[in-house]
Amino acid sequence: MKIIGIITEYNPLHLGHIYQINKIKELYPNSIIIVITNSCFTQRGEISILNKWDKTKICLENNIDLVIELPFAYATQSADI
């Protein structure tokens, strides 16, 4: 069994994301997929289209096994930090 992590924003989750998730499940059928996603703000500090609870629900409905919130302070850091 493999554990696969995806760090993402999913603002919003779209067909490309669904393809990625399904492809991982196809290539690694016994894997556990963990998504680490931002909260209610994007990496640029803008308000996300979806709140963190809706993102979590959508992820779980699309074969993600565990969703972890990346805290705002880390999700919105500039790239050099």
C-alpha atoms as a PDB file:
ATOM      1  CA  MET A   1       0.000   0.000   0.000  1.00  0.00           C
ATOM      2  CA  LYS A   2       1.259   3.445  -0.914  1.00  0.00           C
ATOM      3  CA  ILE A   3       0.386   6.736   0.738  1.00  0.00           C
ATOM      4  CA  ILE A   4       0.219   9.552  -1.783  1.00  0.00           C
ATOM      5  CA  GLY A   5       0.021  13.215  -0.813  1.00  0.00           C
ATOM      6  CA  ILE A   6      -1.286  16.050  -2.963  1.00  0.00           C
ATOM      7  CA  ILE A   7      -0.710  19.652  -1.894  1.00  0.00           C
ATOM      8  CA  THR A   8      -3.370  21.698  -3.602  1.00  0.00           C
ATOM      9  CA  GLU A   9      -5.691  24.662  -3.606  1.00  0.00           C
ATOM     10  CA  TYR A  10      -8.762  23.214  -5.391  1.00  0.00           C
ATOM     11  CA  ASN A  11     -10.263  26.621  -6.062  1.00  0.00           C
ATOM     12  CA  PRO A  12     -12.484  25.075  -7.328  1.00  0.00           C
ATOM     13  CA  LEU A  13     -11.934  21.360  -7.867  1.00  0.00           C
ATOM     14  CA  HIS A  14     -12.309  20.783 -11.624  1.00  0.00           C
ATOM     15  CA  LEU A  15     -12.157  17.949 -14.162  1.00  0.00           C
ATOM     16  CA  GLY A  16      -8.352  18.104 -14.355  1.00  0.00           C
ATOM     17  CA  HIS A  17      -8.153  17.483 -10.618  1.00  0.00           C
ATOM     18  CA  ILE A  18     -10.662  14.629 -10.878  1.00  0.00           C
ATOM     19  CA  TYR A  19      -8.563  13.124 -13.689  1.00  0.00           C
ATOM     20  CA  GLN A  20      -5.440  13.320 -11.507  1.00  0.00           C
ATOM     21  CA  ILE A  21      -7.178  11.627  -8.573  1.00  0.00           C
ATOM     22  CA  ASN A  22      -8.652   8.882 -10.766  1.00  0.00           C
ATOM     23  CA  LYS A  23      -5.304   8.297 -12.486  1.00  0.00           C
ATOM     24  CA  ILE A  24      -3.571   7.879  -9.129  1.00  0.00           C
ATOM     25  CA  LYS A  25      -6.255   5.391  -8.065  1.00  0.00           C
ATOM     26  CA  GLU A  26      -5.834   3.544 -11.383  1.00  0.00           C
ATOM     27  CA  LEU A  27      -2.028   3.332 -11.123  1.00  0.00           C
ATOM     28  CA  TYR A  28      -2.008   2.623  -7.368  1.00  0.00           C
ATOM     29  CA  PRO A  29      -5.343   0.909  -6.620  1.00  0.00           C
ATOM     30  CA  ASN A  30      -4.533   0.122  -2.980  1.00  0.00           C
ATOM     31  CA  SER A  31      -3.181   3.580  -2.226  1.00  0.00           C
ATOM     32  CA  ILE A  32      -4.348   6.102   0.320  1.00  0.00           C
ATOM     33  CA  ILE A  33      -4.592   9.646  -1.030  1.00  0.00           C
ATOM     34  CA  ILE A  34      -4.114  12.513   1.389  1.00  0.00           C
ATOM     35  CA  VAL A  35      -4.867  16.063   0.276  1.00  0.00           C
ATOM     36  CA  ILE A  36      -3.320  19.031   2.043  1.00  0.00           C
ATOM     37  CA  THR A  37      -5.253  22.117   1.065  1.00  0.00           C
ATOM     38  CA  ASN A  38      -5.544  25.741   2.052  1.00  0.00           C
ATOM     39  CA  SER A  39      -8.396  27.003   4.186  1.00  0.00           C
ATOM     40  CA  CYS A  40     -10.766  29.751   3.065  1.00  0.00           C
ATOM     41  CA  PHE A  41      -7.999  31.813   1.437  1.00  0.00           C
ATOM     42  CA  THR A  42      -5.848  31.144  -1.625  1.00  0.00           C
ATOM     43  CA  GLN A  43      -2.058  31.216  -1.781  1.00  0.00           C
ATOM     44  CA  ARG A  44      -2.330  34.818  -2.982  1.00  0.00           C
ATOM     45  CA  GLY A  45      -4.393  35.798   0.064  1.00  0.00           C
ATOM     46  CA  GLU A  46      -7.670  36.109  -1.846  1.00  0.00           C
ATOM     47  CA  ILE A  47     -10.905  34.627  -0.535  1.00  0.00           C
ATOM     48  CA  SER A  48     -11.405  31.134  -1.906  1.00  0.00           C
ATOM     49  CA  ILE A  49     -14.472  30.332  -4.021  1.00  0.00           C
ATOM     50  CA  LEU A  50     -15.260  27.424  -1.682  1.00  0.00           C
ATOM     51  CA  ASN A  51     -14.919  27.334   2.061  1.00  0.00           C
ATOM     52  CA  LYS A  52     -12.767  24.640   3.654  1.00  0.00           C
ATOM     53  CA  TRP A  53     -15.745  22.497   4.677  1.00  0.00           C
ATOM     54  CA  ASP A  54     -17.162  22.387   1.135  1.00  0.00           C
ATOM     55  CA  LYS A  55     -13.687  21.588  -0.264  1.00  0.00           C
ATOM     56  CA  THR A  56     -13.349  18.735   2.215  1.00  0.00           C
ATOM     57  CA  LYS A  57     -16.770  17.340   1.344  1.00  0.00           C
ATOM     58  CA  ILE A  58     -16.039  17.481  -2.388  1.00  0.00           C
ATOM     59  CA  CYS A  59     -12.643  15.825  -1.899  1.00  0.00           C
ATOM     60  CA  LEU A  60     -14.118  12.992   0.136  1.00  0.00           C
ATOM     61  CA  GLU A  61     -16.827  12.480  -2.493  1.00  0.00           C
ATOM     62  CA  ASN A  62     -14.083  12.138  -5.138  1.00  0.00           C
ATOM     63  CA  ASN A  63     -11.998   9.298  -3.673  1.00  0.00           C
ATOM     64  CA  ILE A  64      -9.728  11.325  -1.389  1.00  0.00           C
ATOM     65  CA  ASP A  65      -9.160   9.387   1.833  1.00  0.00           C
ATOM     66  CA  LEU A  66      -8.023  12.192   4.138  1.00  0.00           C
ATOM     67  CA  VAL A  67      -8.093  16.000   3.889  1.00  0.00           C
ATOM     68  CA  ILE A  68      -5.737  18.104   6.003  1.00  0.00           C
ATOM     69  CA  GLU A  69      -5.915  21.896   6.248  1.00  0.00           C
ATOM     70  CA  LEU A  70      -2.754  23.856   5.546  1.00  0.00           C
ATOM     71  CA  PRO A  71      -2.974  26.768   8.004  1.00  0.00           C
ATOM     72  CA  PHE A  72      -3.370  30.269   6.597  1.00  0.00           C
ATOM     73  CA  ALA A  73       0.026  31.404   7.889  1.00  0.00           C
ATOM     74  CA  TYR A  74       1.772  28.708   5.835  1.00  0.00           C
ATOM     75  CA  ALA A  75      -0.520  28.672   2.825  1.00  0.00           C
ATOM     76  CA  THR A  76      -0.003  32.358   2.079  1.00  0.00           C
ATOM     77  CA  GLN A  77       3.770  32.671   2.651  1.00  0.00           C
ATOM     78  CA  SER A  78       5.832  34.117  -0.180  1.00  0.00           C
ATOM     79  CA  ALA A  79       7.833  31.538  -2.135  1.00  0.00           C
ATOM     80  CA  ASP A  80      11.201  32.595  -0.723  1.00  0.00           C
ATOM     81  CA  ILE A  81      10.097  31.682   2.833  1.00  0.00           C
END
